[in-house]
Amino acid sequence: MSPVYLPFQDWPSQDHQAWATAIADGDILEGRGPAHHWRPATRHTNTRHYARWLSFVQPLTGLKGHPANRVTKANVQAYVKQLQSSIAPRTVVSSLVGLKVMMKAMAPEGNWRWLEDICNRLNRNSKPIKDKRTRILDSGEIYQTALRHLDRLTKTDLSKRKQLVGFRNGLMVALMAARPLRRKNFADLTFGTTLRPVGNDWLIKIPGGDTKNGKPLEFGLPDSLTPYLQTYLERVRARIAKPSELALWVSWDGDRMPYHMVYIAFTRITLELFGKAINPHLFRDCAATTLASKSLKAVMAAPGLLGHMRLETTEKHYIHARQLEASRTMNGILTGLASKRRS
């Protein structure tokens, strides 16, 4: 049985050459490839989609000739049927969209409108197997529940593995509820660079080169969260992190938590606390929904909080101000709820 994804090193030479041309970062005379601006995460995702396609089409074509010559309507229709028999509808759409953008990059001279039309039809007709709306909770509810969880663990000696990991995961939930970062940015929080102490406060500062849309992010943490972060640093992280490790989130072996472990940690702790698994990205939906339900002023803060700003060049100097204002809006909501919980 052939692998689901054909490893990159096993791609034909013509595919390697087409991909190298697509991502070439040449000068004005040589020209740049259509995919030269893709970020590492985008490149990884799309090459993985293409690797799935190569694995499928290999028995049909022997992977001979130019990559574009294998992407025929008949082959794509057979590919879609194979995907539909093994993966979820939305994943089928993602897989085919990945193939489409790869062909536009690797064979930009081709007419891929027909492939785009297929992607659009699949997108219109596909529905998620699980309705994420049933897992969207109020961010304030998530935040308060996470703090109650942390309060219970703070009263223990925090010496057992279950207690230490439980505190770490609970703090992850609370922080993500307050600052719904993308999973990569959240998992990569590092002391001295993207997470910095400022007086008695903490500041998240992520450069544009590390964000999806290229816009830098700058957020302050809620005052109500600071004591729990301090407890984590002094009583939890200090016990398990290796001395040289600067990542905020560390696994039991003392190293930085890999992205997949961050995902698993979120789904497990939220299933325990709320009876439903909430993945990291879904916290962004929760935050947007929460702000929208509060007031017009609050919903206007959502783009800043989620890093979705699309500002003109003349507005670039207001990016940090708008994000900090958005974080203060969320701070007020969460701090008020935390005060009611304690009273």
C-alpha atoms as a PDB file:
ATOM      1  CA  MET A   1       0.000   0.000   0.000  1.00  0.00           C
ATOM      2  CA  SER A   2       1.369   3.397  -0.983  1.00  0.00           C
ATOM      3  CA  PRO A   3       1.723   6.076   1.706  1.00  0.00           C
ATOM      4  CA  VAL A   4      -1.064   8.637   2.058  1.00  0.00           C
ATOM      5  CA  TYR A   5       1.507  11.400   1.555  1.00  0.00           C
ATOM      6  CA  LEU A   6       4.428  10.919  -0.825  1.00  0.00           C
ATOM      7  CA  PRO A   7       7.538  12.116   1.069  1.00  0.00           C
ATOM      8  CA  PHE A   8       9.155  15.219  -0.396  1.00  0.00           C
ATOM      9  CA  GLN A   9      12.408  13.402  -1.089  1.00  0.00           C
ATOM     10  CA  ASP A  10      10.473  10.923  -3.257  1.00  0.00           C
ATOM     11  CA  TRP A  11       8.891  13.572  -5.479  1.00  0.00           C
ATOM     12  CA  PRO A  12       9.982  13.365  -9.137  1.00  0.00           C
ATOM     13  CA  SER A  13      12.771  15.722 -10.229  1.00  0.00           C
ATOM     14  CA  GLN A  14      10.381  17.722 -12.392  1.00  0.00           C
ATOM     15  CA  ASP A  15       8.172  18.376  -9.354  1.00  0.00           C
ATOM     16  CA  HIS A  16      11.175  19.441  -7.294  1.00  0.00           C
ATOM     17  CA  GLN A  17      12.183  21.821 -10.078  1.00  0.00           C
ATOM     18  CA  ALA A  18       8.671  23.259 -10.450  1.00  0.00           C
ATOM     19  CA  TRP A  19       8.457  23.833  -6.698  1.00  0.00           C
ATOM     20  CA  ALA A  20      11.907  25.421  -6.539  1.00  0.00           C
ATOM     21  CA  THR A  21      10.884  27.808  -9.332  1.00  0.00           C
ATOM     22  CA  ALA A  22       7.610  28.598  -7.570  1.00  0.00           C
ATOM     23  CA  ILE A  23       9.335  29.706  -4.362  1.00  0.00           C
ATOM     24  CA  ALA A  24      12.397  31.297  -5.984  1.00  0.00           C
ATOM     25  CA  ASP A  25      13.213  34.682  -4.475  1.00  0.00           C
ATOM     26  CA  GLY A  26      15.036  36.193  -7.429  1.00  0.00           C
ATOM     27  CA  ASP A  27      15.889  39.796  -8.189  1.00  0.00           C
ATOM     28  CA  ILE A  28      14.139  42.152 -10.594  1.00  0.00           C
ATOM     29  CA  LEU A  29      15.920  40.650 -13.612  1.00  0.00           C
ATOM     30  CA  GLU A  30      15.477  37.000 -12.692  1.00  0.00           C
ATOM     31  CA  GLY A  31      11.943  37.349 -11.358  1.00  0.00           C
ATOM     32  CA  ARG A  32      10.358  35.850  -8.280  1.00  0.00           C
ATOM     33  CA  GLY A  33       8.277  32.731  -8.099  1.00  0.00           C
ATOM     34  CA  PRO A  34       4.511  32.996  -7.502  1.00  0.00           C
ATOM     35  CA  ALA A  35       4.901  31.397  -4.062  1.00  0.00           C
ATOM     36  CA  HIS A  36       8.028  33.216  -2.912  1.00  0.00           C
ATOM     37  CA  HIS A  37       6.010  35.212  -0.368  1.00  0.00           C
ATOM     38  CA  TRP A  38       4.363  32.177   1.246  1.00  0.00           C
ATOM     39  CA  ARG A  39       5.161  31.862   4.926  1.00  0.00           C
ATOM     40  CA  PRO A  40       6.761  28.624   6.200  1.00  0.00           C
ATOM     41  CA  ALA A  41       3.473  27.373   7.649  1.00  0.00           C
ATOM     42  CA  THR A  42       1.678  28.008   4.340  1.00  0.00           C
ATOM     43  CA  ARG A  43       4.392  26.207   2.411  1.00  0.00           C
ATOM     44  CA  HIS A  44       4.217  23.254   4.764  1.00  0.00           C
ATOM     45  CA  THR A  45       0.427  22.999   4.514  1.00  0.00           C
ATOM     46  CA  ASN A  46       0.273  23.238   0.729  1.00  0.00           C
ATOM     47  CA  THR A  47       3.174  20.883   0.044  1.00  0.00           C
ATOM     48  CA  ARG A  48       1.475  18.373   2.326  1.00  0.00           C
ATOM     49  CA  HIS A  49      -1.737  18.664   0.290  1.00  0.00           C
ATOM     50  CA  TYR A  50       0.321  18.167  -2.852  1.00  0.00           C
ATOM     51  CA  ALA A  51       2.076  15.147  -1.336  1.00  0.00           C
ATOM     52  CA  ARG A  52      -1.345  13.542  -0.801  1.00  0.00           C
ATOM     53  CA  TRP A  53      -2.209  14.201  -4.453  1.00  0.00           C
ATOM     54  CA  LEU A  54       1.083  12.681  -5.652  1.00  0.00           C
ATOM     55  CA  SER A  55       0.463   9.555  -3.598  1.00  0.00           C
ATOM     56  CA  PHE A  56      -2.955   9.170  -5.225  1.00  0.00           C
ATOM     57  CA  VAL A  57      -1.958   9.913  -8.805  1.00  0.00           C
ATOM     58  CA  GLN A  58       1.267   7.885  -8.779  1.00  0.00           C
ATOM     59  CA  PRO A  59      -0.363   4.553  -9.782  1.00  0.00           C
ATOM     60  CA  LEU A  60      -2.301   6.310 -12.579  1.00  0.00           C
ATOM     61  CA  THR A  61       0.540   8.202 -14.230  1.00  0.00           C
ATOM     62  CA  GLY A  62       3.775   6.850 -12.852  1.00  0.00           C
ATOM     63  CA  LEU A  63       4.482  10.505 -12.024  1.00  0.00           C
ATOM     64  CA  LYS A  64       5.910  11.052 -15.488  1.00  0.00           C
ATOM     65  CA  GLY A  65       5.973  14.344 -17.317  1.00  0.00           C
ATOM     66  CA  HIS A  66       5.291  17.841 -16.042  1.00  0.00           C
ATOM     67  CA  PRO A  67       3.172  18.090 -12.860  1.00  0.00           C
ATOM     68  CA  ALA A  68       0.456  20.023 -14.713  1.00  0.00           C
ATOM     69  CA  ASN A  69      -0.070  17.205 -17.199  1.00  0.00           C
ATOM     70  CA  ARG A  70      -1.264  14.877 -14.411  1.00  0.00           C
ATOM     71  CA  VAL A  71      -3.892  17.299 -13.134  1.00  0.00           C
ATOM     72  CA  THR A  72      -6.667  16.360 -15.553  1.00  0.00           C
ATOM     73  CA  LYS A  73     -10.401  16.544 -14.947  1.00  0.00           C
ATOM     74  CA  ALA A  74     -10.666  12.746 -14.938  1.00  0.00           C
ATOM     75  CA  ASN A  75      -7.849  12.332 -12.420  1.00  0.00           C
ATOM     76  CA  VAL A  76      -9.191  15.080 -10.174  1.00  0.00           C
ATOM     77  CA  GLN A  77     -12.710  13.599 -10.222  1.00  0.00           C
ATOM     78  CA  ALA A  78     -11.286  10.220  -9.200  1.00  0.00           C
ATOM     79  CA  TYR A  79      -9.221  11.942  -6.515  1.00  0.00           C
ATOM     80  CA  VAL A  80     -12.263  13.679  -5.082  1.00  0.00           C
ATOM     81  CA  LYS A  81     -14.164  10.382  -4.881  1.00  0.00           C
ATOM     82  CA  GLN A  82     -11.241   8.754  -3.102  1.00  0.00           C
ATOM     83  CA  LEU A  83     -11.001  11.639  -0.627  1.00  0.00           C
ATOM     84  CA  GLN A  84     -14.743  11.644   0.038  1.00  0.00           C
ATOM     85  CA  SER A  85     -14.573   7.975   0.996  1.00  0.00           C
ATOM     86  CA  SER A  86     -11.904   8.517   3.643  1.00  0.00           C
ATOM     87  CA  ILE A  87     -11.955  12.050   5.093  1.00  0.00           C
ATOM     88  CA  ALA A  88     -14.424  14.703   6.261  1.00  0.00           C
ATOM     89  CA  PRO A  89     -16.127  17.004   3.700  1.00  0.00           C
ATOM     90  CA  ARG A  90     -14.310  20.139   4.831  1.00  0.00           C
ATOM     91  CA  THR A  91     -10.979  18.311   4.678  1.00  0.00           C
ATOM     92  CA  VAL A  92     -11.789  17.272   1.112  1.00  0.00           C
ATOM     93  CA  VAL A  93     -12.244  20.934   0.241  1.00  0.00           C
ATOM     94  CA  SER A  94      -8.971  21.887   1.945  1.00  0.00           C
ATOM     95  CA  SER A  95      -7.099  19.132   0.114  1.00  0.00           C
ATOM     96  CA  LEU A  96      -8.365  20.208  -3.286  1.00  0.00           C
ATOM     97  CA  VAL A  97      -7.794  23.899  -2.601  1.00  0.00           C
ATOM     98  CA  GLY A  98      -4.227  22.964  -1.658  1.00  0.00           C
ATOM     99  CA  LEU A  99      -3.791  21.211  -4.987  1.00  0.00           C
ATOM    100  CA  LYS A 100      -5.249  24.229  -6.811  1.00  0.00           C
ATOM    101  CA  VAL A 101      -2.914  26.795  -5.229  1.00  0.00           C
ATOM    102  CA  MET A 102       0.075  24.518  -5.761  1.00  0.00           C
ATOM    103  CA  MET A 103      -0.708  24.197  -9.464  1.00  0.00           C
ATOM    104  CA  LYS A 104      -1.170  27.954  -9.774  1.00  0.00           C
ATOM    105  CA  ALA A 105       2.281  28.322  -8.237  1.00  0.00           C
ATOM    106  CA  MET A 106       4.043  25.457 -10.024  1.00  0.00           C
ATOM    107  CA  ALA A 107       2.335  25.913 -13.394  1.00  0.00           C
ATOM    108  CA  PRO A 108       1.188  29.545 -13.444  1.00  0.00           C
ATOM    109  CA  GLU A 109       0.841  29.552 -17.218  1.00  0.00           C
ATOM    110  CA  GLY A 110      -1.948  26.979 -17.046  1.00  0.00           C
ATOM    111  CA  ASN A 111      -5.690  27.705 -17.032  1.00  0.00           C
ATOM    112  CA  TRP A 112      -6.885  26.438 -13.660  1.00  0.00           C
ATOM    113  CA  ARG A 113     -10.319  28.017 -13.689  1.00  0.00           C
ATOM    114  CA  TRP A 114     -11.984  24.613 -14.033  1.00  0.00           C
ATOM    115  CA  LEU A 115     -10.163  23.370 -10.937  1.00  0.00           C
ATOM    116  CA  GLU A 116     -11.187  26.505  -9.054  1.00  0.00           C
ATOM    117  CA  ASP A 117     -14.804  25.893 -10.090  1.00  0.00           C
ATOM    118  CA  ILE A 118     -14.647  22.368  -8.654  1.00  0.00           C
ATOM    119  CA  CYS A 119     -13.262  23.740  -5.395  1.00  0.00           C
ATOM    120  CA  ASN A 120     -16.076  26.287  -5.213  1.00  0.00           C
ATOM    121  CA  ARG A 121     -18.756  23.657  -5.830  1.00  0.00           C
ATOM    122  CA  LEU A 122     -17.306  21.395  -3.175  1.00  0.00           C
ATOM    123  CA  ASN A 123     -17.129  24.293  -0.754  1.00  0.00           C
ATOM    124  CA  ARG A 124     -20.778  25.226  -1.285  1.00  0.00           C
ATOM    125  CA  ASN A 125     -21.986  21.660  -0.870  1.00  0.00           C
ATOM    126  CA  SER A 126     -19.816  20.526   2.016  1.00  0.00           C
ATOM    127  CA  LYS A 127     -20.885  20.866   5.614  1.00  0.00           C
ATOM    128  CA  PRO A 128     -18.783  20.213   8.705  1.00  0.00           C
ATOM    129  CA  ILE A 129     -19.498  16.885  10.395  1.00  0.00           C
ATOM    130  CA  LYS A 130     -19.435  18.675  13.734  1.00  0.00           C
ATOM    131  CA  ASP A 131     -21.148  22.019  14.160  1.00  0.00           C
ATOM    132  CA  LYS A 132     -18.586  24.173  15.948  1.00  0.00           C
ATOM    133  CA  ARG A 133     -21.364  26.472  17.183  1.00  0.00           C
ATOM    134  CA  THR A 134     -22.232  23.901  19.831  1.00  0.00           C
ATOM    135  CA  ARG A 135     -18.705  24.291  21.238  1.00  0.00           C
ATOM    136  CA  ILE A 136     -18.587  28.076  21.311  1.00  0.00           C
ATOM    137  CA  LEU A 137     -18.800  29.351  24.872  1.00  0.00           C
ATOM    138  CA  ASP A 138     -18.694  32.821  26.359  1.00  0.00           C
ATOM    139  CA  SER A 139     -15.044  33.807  26.923  1.00  0.00           C
ATOM    140  CA  GLY A 140     -15.949  35.148  30.348  1.00  0.00           C
ATOM    141  CA  GLU A 141     -17.413  31.786  31.329  1.00  0.00           C
ATOM    142  CA  ILE A 142     -14.295  30.019  30.072  1.00  0.00           C
ATOM    143  CA  TYR A 143     -12.053  32.456  31.928  1.00  0.00           C
ATOM    144  CA  GLN A 144     -13.914  32.176  35.250  1.00  0.00           C
ATOM    145  CA  THR A 145     -14.079  28.381  35.082  1.00  0.00           C
ATOM    146  CA  ALA A 146     -10.353  28.183  34.356  1.00  0.00           C
ATOM    147  CA  LEU A 147      -9.564  30.466  37.311  1.00  0.00           C
ATOM    148  CA  ARG A 148     -11.710  28.349  39.633  1.00  0.00           C
ATOM    149  CA  HIS A 149      -9.785  25.309  38.437  1.00  0.00           C
ATOM    150  CA  LEU A 150      -6.504  27.104  39.184  1.00  0.00           C
ATOM    151  CA  ASP A 151      -7.778  28.187  42.616  1.00  0.00           C
ATOM    152  CA  ARG A 152      -8.462  24.562  43.547  1.00  0.00           C
ATOM    153  CA  LEU A 153      -4.993  23.473  42.459  1.00  0.00           C
ATOM    154  CA  THR A 154      -3.288  26.409  44.196  1.00  0.00           C
ATOM    155  CA  LYS A 155      -4.561  25.048  47.514  1.00  0.00           C
ATOM    156  CA  THR A 156      -2.648  21.802  46.935  1.00  0.00           C
ATOM    157  CA  ASP A 157       1.097  21.355  47.285  1.00  0.00           C
ATOM    158  CA  LEU A 158       1.438  21.166  43.478  1.00  0.00           C
ATOM    159  CA  SER A 159       3.829  18.259  43.732  1.00  0.00           C
ATOM    160  CA  LYS A 160       2.128  15.511  41.727  1.00  0.00           C
ATOM    161  CA  ARG A 161       2.303  15.293  37.960  1.00  0.00           C
ATOM    162  CA  LYS A 162      -1.481  15.531  37.600  1.00  0.00           C
ATOM    163  CA  GLN A 163      -1.510  18.736  39.654  1.00  0.00           C
ATOM    164  CA  LEU A 164       1.385  20.348  37.806  1.00  0.00           C
ATOM    165  CA  VAL A 165       0.096  19.506  34.338  1.00  0.00           C
ATOM    166  CA  GLY A 166      -3.447  20.419  35.375  1.00  0.00           C
ATOM    167  CA  PHE A 167      -2.308  23.863  36.520  1.00  0.00           C
ATOM    168  CA  ARG A 168      -0.349  24.447  33.330  1.00  0.00           C
ATOM    169  CA  ASN A 169      -3.303  23.440  31.162  1.00  0.00           C
ATOM    170  CA  GLY A 170      -5.737  25.520  33.202  1.00  0.00           C
ATOM    171  CA  LEU A 171      -3.529  28.577  32.809  1.00  0.00           C
ATOM    172  CA  MET A 172      -3.324  27.925  29.073  1.00  0.00           C
ATOM    173  CA  VAL A 173      -7.114  27.994  28.885  1.00  0.00           C
ATOM    174  CA  ALA A 174      -7.381  31.196  30.922  1.00  0.00           C
ATOM    175  CA  LEU A 175      -4.720  32.977  28.875  1.00  0.00           C
ATOM    176  CA  MET A 176      -6.203  31.844  25.574  1.00  0.00           C
ATOM    177  CA  ALA A 177      -9.656  33.012  26.671  1.00  0.00           C
ATOM    178  CA  ALA A 178      -8.188  36.445  27.395  1.00  0.00           C
ATOM    179  CA  ARG A 179      -5.807  36.615  24.442  1.00  0.00           C
ATOM    180  CA  PRO A 180      -6.978  34.234  21.683  1.00  0.00           C
ATOM    181  CA  LEU A 181      -3.752  33.936  19.714  1.00  0.00           C
ATOM    182  CA  ARG A 182      -3.250  31.548  16.859  1.00  0.00           C
ATOM    183  CA  ARG A 183      -1.925  28.224  18.099  1.00  0.00           C
ATOM    184  CA  LYS A 184       1.590  28.718  16.692  1.00  0.00           C
ATOM    185  CA  ASN A 185       1.993  32.158  18.300  1.00  0.00           C
ATOM    186  CA  PHE A 186       0.549  30.854  21.572  1.00  0.00           C
ATOM    187  CA  ALA A 187       2.789  27.781  21.664  1.00  0.00           C
ATOM    188  CA  ASP A 188       5.851  29.864  20.759  1.00  0.00           C
ATOM    189  CA  LEU A 189       5.518  32.360  23.624  1.00  0.00           C
ATOM    190  CA  THR A 190       9.071  32.811  24.885  1.00  0.00           C
ATOM    191  CA  PHE A 191      10.535  34.805  27.757  1.00  0.00           C
ATOM    192  CA  GLY A 192      12.412  37.905  26.744  1.00  0.00           C
ATOM    193  CA  THR A 193      11.087  37.986  23.190  1.00  0.00           C
ATOM    194  CA  THR A 194       7.358  37.441  22.750  1.00  0.00           C
ATOM    195  CA  LEU A 195       6.551  37.519  26.486  1.00  0.00           C
ATOM    196  CA  ARG A 196       8.084  40.287  28.551  1.00  0.00           C
ATOM    197  CA  PRO A 197       7.620  41.645  32.075  1.00  0.00           C
ATOM    198  CA  VAL A 198       6.847  45.356  32.182  1.00  0.00           C
ATOM    199  CA  GLY A 199       6.889  46.508  35.784  1.00  0.00           C
ATOM    200  CA  ASN A 200       4.296  44.399  37.556  1.00  0.00           C
ATOM    201  CA  ASP A 201       2.580  43.533  34.294  1.00  0.00           C
ATOM    202  CA  TRP A 202       3.258  41.209  31.385  1.00  0.00           C
ATOM    203  CA  LEU A 203       3.285  42.099  27.699  1.00  0.00           C
ATOM    204  CA  ILE A 204       2.824  39.816  24.712  1.00  0.00           C
ATOM    205  CA  LYS A 205       4.701  41.247  21.747  1.00  0.00           C
ATOM    206  CA  ILE A 206       4.839  39.249  18.514  1.00  0.00           C
ATOM    207  CA  PRO A 207       6.656  40.648  15.454  1.00  0.00           C
ATOM    208  CA  GLY A 208       4.917  40.802  12.104  1.00  0.00           C
ATOM    209  CA  GLY A 209       7.241  38.178  10.653  1.00  0.00           C
ATOM    210  CA  ASP A 210       5.710  35.605  12.998  1.00  0.00           C
ATOM    211  CA  THR A 211       2.023  36.366  12.377  1.00  0.00           C
ATOM    212  CA  LYS A 212      -0.248  35.063   9.649  1.00  0.00           C
ATOM    213  CA  ASN A 213      -1.057  38.438   8.121  1.00  0.00           C
ATOM    214  CA  GLY A 214       2.336  40.020   8.718  1.00  0.00           C
ATOM    215  CA  LYS A 215       0.980  42.518  11.279  1.00  0.00           C
ATOM    216  CA  PRO A 216       2.735  42.713  14.674  1.00  0.00           C
ATOM    217  CA  LEU A 217       0.700  41.975  17.788  1.00  0.00           C
ATOM    218  CA  GLU A 218       1.029  43.684  21.150  1.00  0.00           C
ATOM    219  CA  PHE A 219      -1.216  42.803  24.100  1.00  0.00           C
ATOM    220  CA  GLY A 220      -1.156  43.320  27.829  1.00  0.00           C
ATOM    221  CA  LEU A 221      -2.378  40.557  30.157  1.00  0.00           C
ATOM    222  CA  PRO A 222      -5.375  41.047  32.480  1.00  0.00           C
ATOM    223  CA  ASP A 223      -4.391  42.031  36.022  1.00  0.00           C
ATOM    224  CA  SER A 224      -6.553  39.226  37.357  1.00  0.00           C
ATOM    225  CA  LEU A 225      -4.417  36.662  35.520  1.00  0.00           C
ATOM    226  CA  THR A 226      -1.020  37.868  36.745  1.00  0.00           C
ATOM    227  CA  PRO A 227      -1.071  36.066  40.156  1.00  0.00           C
ATOM    228  CA  TYR A 228      -1.808  32.749  38.443  1.00  0.00           C
ATOM    229  CA  LEU A 229       0.983  33.295  35.930  1.00  0.00           C
ATOM    230  CA  GLN A 230       3.331  34.006  38.831  1.00  0.00           C
ATOM    231  CA  THR A 231       2.251  30.807  40.588  1.00  0.00           C
ATOM    232  CA  TYR A 232       2.844  28.866  37.394  1.00  0.00           C
ATOM    233  CA  LEU A 233       6.325  30.287  36.997  1.00  0.00           C
ATOM    234  CA  GLU A 234       7.361  29.774  40.618  1.00  0.00           C
ATOM    235  CA  ARG A 235       5.628  26.528  41.594  1.00  0.00           C
ATOM    236  CA  VAL A 236       4.943  24.654  38.367  1.00  0.00           C
ATOM    237  CA  ARG A 237       7.217  25.585  35.508  1.00  0.00           C
ATOM    238  CA  ALA A 238      10.244  25.868  37.797  1.00  0.00           C
ATOM    239  CA  ARG A 239       9.777  22.198  38.730  1.00  0.00           C
ATOM    240  CA  ILE A 240       9.603  20.771  35.222  1.00  0.00           C
ATOM    241  CA  ALA A 241      11.414  23.118  32.790  1.00  0.00           C
ATOM    242  CA  LYS A 242      15.012  22.532  31.841  1.00  0.00           C
ATOM    243  CA  PRO A 243      17.301  25.384  32.998  1.00  0.00           C
ATOM    244  CA  SER A 244      18.086  26.422  29.427  1.00  0.00           C
ATOM    245  CA  GLU A 245      14.471  26.347  28.205  1.00  0.00           C
ATOM    246  CA  LEU A 246      12.911  29.792  27.660  1.00  0.00           C
ATOM    247  CA  ALA A 247       9.514  28.711  26.305  1.00  0.00           C
ATOM    248  CA  LEU A 248       6.542  29.594  28.492  1.00  0.00           C
ATOM    249  CA  TRP A 249       4.780  26.286  27.908  1.00  0.00           C
ATOM    250  CA  VAL A 250       6.876  23.226  28.670  1.00  0.00           C
ATOM    251  CA  SER A 251       6.092  19.534  28.513  1.00  0.00           C
ATOM    252  CA  TRP A 252       6.735  17.047  31.285  1.00  0.00           C
ATOM    253  CA  ASP A 253      10.201  16.310  29.892  1.00  0.00           C
ATOM    254  CA  GLY A 254      11.140  19.968  30.378  1.00  0.00           C
ATOM    255  CA  ASP A 255      11.256  21.014  26.738  1.00  0.00           C
ATOM    256  CA  ARG A 256       9.054  23.405  24.749  1.00  0.00           C
ATOM    257  CA  MET A 257       5.633  21.895  24.065  1.00  0.00           C
ATOM    258  CA  PRO A 258       5.244  20.872  20.401  1.00  0.00           C
ATOM    259  CA  TYR A 259       2.224  22.269  18.564  1.00  0.00           C
ATOM    260  CA  HIS A 260       0.354  18.959  18.560  1.00  0.00           C
ATOM    261  CA  MET A 261       0.802  18.629  22.329  1.00  0.00           C
ATOM    262  CA  VAL A 262      -0.621  22.123  22.821  1.00  0.00           C
ATOM    263  CA  TYR A 263      -3.660  21.069  20.792  1.00  0.00           C
ATOM    264  CA  ILE A 264      -4.109  17.883  22.829  1.00  0.00           C
ATOM    265  CA  ALA A 265      -3.684  19.754  26.124  1.00  0.00           C
ATOM    266  CA  PHE A 266      -6.483  22.159  25.170  1.00  0.00           C
ATOM    267  CA  THR A 267      -8.932  19.516  24.051  1.00  0.00           C
ATOM    268  CA  ARG A 268      -8.352  17.386  27.152  1.00  0.00           C
ATOM    269  CA  ILE A 269      -8.640  20.135  29.761  1.00  0.00           C
ATOM    270  CA  THR A 270     -11.682  21.755  28.112  1.00  0.00           C
ATOM    271  CA  LEU A 271     -13.408  18.389  27.876  1.00  0.00           C
ATOM    272  CA  GLU A 272     -12.762  17.988  31.604  1.00  0.00           C
ATOM    273  CA  LEU A 273     -13.943  21.492  32.517  1.00  0.00           C
ATOM    274  CA  PHE A 274     -16.814  22.019  30.081  1.00  0.00           C
ATOM    275  CA  GLY A 275     -17.839  18.587  28.870  1.00  0.00           C
ATOM    276  CA  LYS A 276     -16.821  19.479  25.306  1.00  0.00           C
ATOM    277  CA  ALA A 277     -13.433  19.697  23.607  1.00  0.00           C
ATOM    278  CA  ILE A 278     -12.499  23.231  22.550  1.00  0.00           C
ATOM    279  CA  ASN A 279      -9.470  23.375  20.296  1.00  0.00           C
ATOM    280  CA  PRO A 280      -7.114  26.391  20.370  1.00  0.00           C
ATOM    281  CA  HIS A 281      -8.479  28.033  17.224  1.00  0.00           C
ATOM    282  CA  LEU A 282     -12.047  27.849  18.497  1.00  0.00           C
ATOM    283  CA  PHE A 283     -11.119  30.267  21.299  1.00  0.00           C
ATOM    284  CA  ARG A 284     -10.965  32.943  18.608  1.00  0.00           C
ATOM    285  CA  ASP A 285     -14.571  32.260  17.676  1.00  0.00           C
ATOM    286  CA  CYS A 286     -15.501  32.358  21.345  1.00  0.00           C
ATOM    287  CA  ALA A 287     -13.827  35.753  21.792  1.00  0.00           C
ATOM    288  CA  ALA A 288     -15.457  37.270  18.712  1.00  0.00           C
ATOM    289  CA  THR A 289     -18.872  35.983  19.761  1.00  0.00           C
ATOM    290  CA  THR A 290     -18.395  37.254  23.323  1.00  0.00           C
ATOM    291  CA  LEU A 291     -17.410  40.743  22.211  1.00  0.00           C
ATOM    292  CA  ALA A 292     -20.254  40.872  19.700  1.00  0.00           C
ATOM    293  CA  SER A 293     -22.746  40.045  22.427  1.00  0.00           C
ATOM    294  CA  LYS A 294     -21.597  42.840  24.736  1.00  0.00           C
ATOM    295  CA  SER A 295     -21.923  46.109  22.837  1.00  0.00           C
ATOM    296  CA  LEU A 296     -21.123  47.883  19.598  1.00  0.00           C
ATOM    297  CA  LYS A 297     -17.954  49.284  21.158  1.00  0.00           C
ATOM    298  CA  ALA A 298     -16.902  45.810  22.252  1.00  0.00           C
ATOM    299  CA  VAL A 299     -17.481  44.204  18.844  1.00  0.00           C
ATOM    300  CA  MET A 300     -15.404  46.964  17.229  1.00  0.00           C
ATOM    301  CA  ALA A 301     -12.506  45.738  19.375  1.00  0.00           C
ATOM    302  CA  ALA A 302     -12.663  42.204  17.943  1.00  0.00           C
ATOM    303  CA  PRO A 303     -10.446  42.762  14.856  1.00  0.00           C
ATOM    304  CA  GLY A 304      -7.715  44.230  17.043  1.00  0.00           C
ATOM    305  CA  LEU A 305      -7.897  41.455  19.596  1.00  0.00           C
ATOM    306  CA  LEU A 306      -7.762  38.751  16.930  1.00  0.00           C
ATOM    307  CA  GLY A 307      -5.088  40.432  14.819  1.00  0.00           C
ATOM    308  CA  HIS A 308      -7.405  40.787  11.821  1.00  0.00           C
ATOM    309  CA  MET A 309      -6.542  44.443  11.049  1.00  0.00           C
ATOM    310  CA  ARG A 310      -6.304  45.426   7.403  1.00  0.00           C
ATOM    311  CA  LEU A 311      -4.984  48.950   7.715  1.00  0.00           C
ATOM    312  CA  GLU A 312      -3.823  51.290   4.969  1.00  0.00           C
ATOM    313  CA  THR A 313      -0.186  52.390   4.981  1.00  0.00           C
ATOM    314  CA  THR A 314      -1.118  55.744   6.542  1.00  0.00           C
ATOM    315  CA  GLU A 315      -2.667  53.894   9.482  1.00  0.00           C
ATOM    316  CA  LYS A 316       0.344  51.729  10.289  1.00  0.00           C
ATOM    317  CA  HIS A 317       1.330  53.874  13.273  1.00  0.00           C
ATOM    318  CA  TYR A 318      -2.008  53.119  14.967  1.00  0.00           C
ATOM    319  CA  ILE A 319      -1.670  49.315  14.926  1.00  0.00           C
ATOM    320  CA  HIS A 320      -0.293  48.936  18.447  1.00  0.00           C
ATOM    321  CA  ALA A 321      -2.652  51.551  19.850  1.00  0.00           C
ATOM    322  CA  ARG A 322      -5.697  49.791  18.444  1.00  0.00           C
ATOM    323  CA  GLN A 323      -4.547  46.394  19.673  1.00  0.00           C
ATOM    324  CA  LEU A 324      -3.792  47.693  23.141  1.00  0.00           C
ATOM    325  CA  GLU A 325      -7.210  49.371  23.221  1.00  0.00           C
ATOM    326  CA  ALA A 326      -8.805  46.089  22.176  1.00  0.00           C
ATOM    327  CA  SER A 327      -6.946  44.199  24.900  1.00  0.00           C
ATOM    328  CA  ARG A 328      -8.038  46.777  27.493  1.00  0.00           C
ATOM    329  CA  THR A 329     -11.659  46.295  26.419  1.00  0.00           C
ATOM    330  CA  MET A 330     -11.350  42.556  27.010  1.00  0.00           C
ATOM    331  CA  ASN A 331      -9.485  43.238  30.288  1.00  0.00           C
ATOM    332  CA  GLY A 332     -12.439  45.225  31.593  1.00  0.00           C
ATOM    333  CA  ILE A 333     -14.893  42.481  30.763  1.00  0.00           C
ATOM    334  CA  LEU A 334     -12.779  39.732  32.343  1.00  0.00           C
ATOM    335  CA  THR A 335     -11.753  41.730  35.409  1.00  0.00           C
ATOM    336  CA  GLY A 336     -15.369  42.620  36.122  1.00  0.00           C
ATOM    337  CA  LEU A 337     -16.392  38.993  35.901  1.00  0.00           C
ATOM    338  CA  ALA A 338     -13.465  37.940  38.108  1.00  0.00           C
ATOM    339  CA  SER A 339     -14.486  40.520  40.739  1.00  0.00           C
ATOM    340  CA  LYS A 340     -18.052  39.194  40.792  1.00  0.00           C
ATOM    341  CA  ARG A 341     -16.722  35.671  41.198  1.00  0.00           C
ATOM    342  CA  ARG A 342     -14.708  36.629  44.284  1.00  0.00           C
ATOM    343  CA  SER A 343     -17.510  38.630  45.915  1.00  0.00           C
END
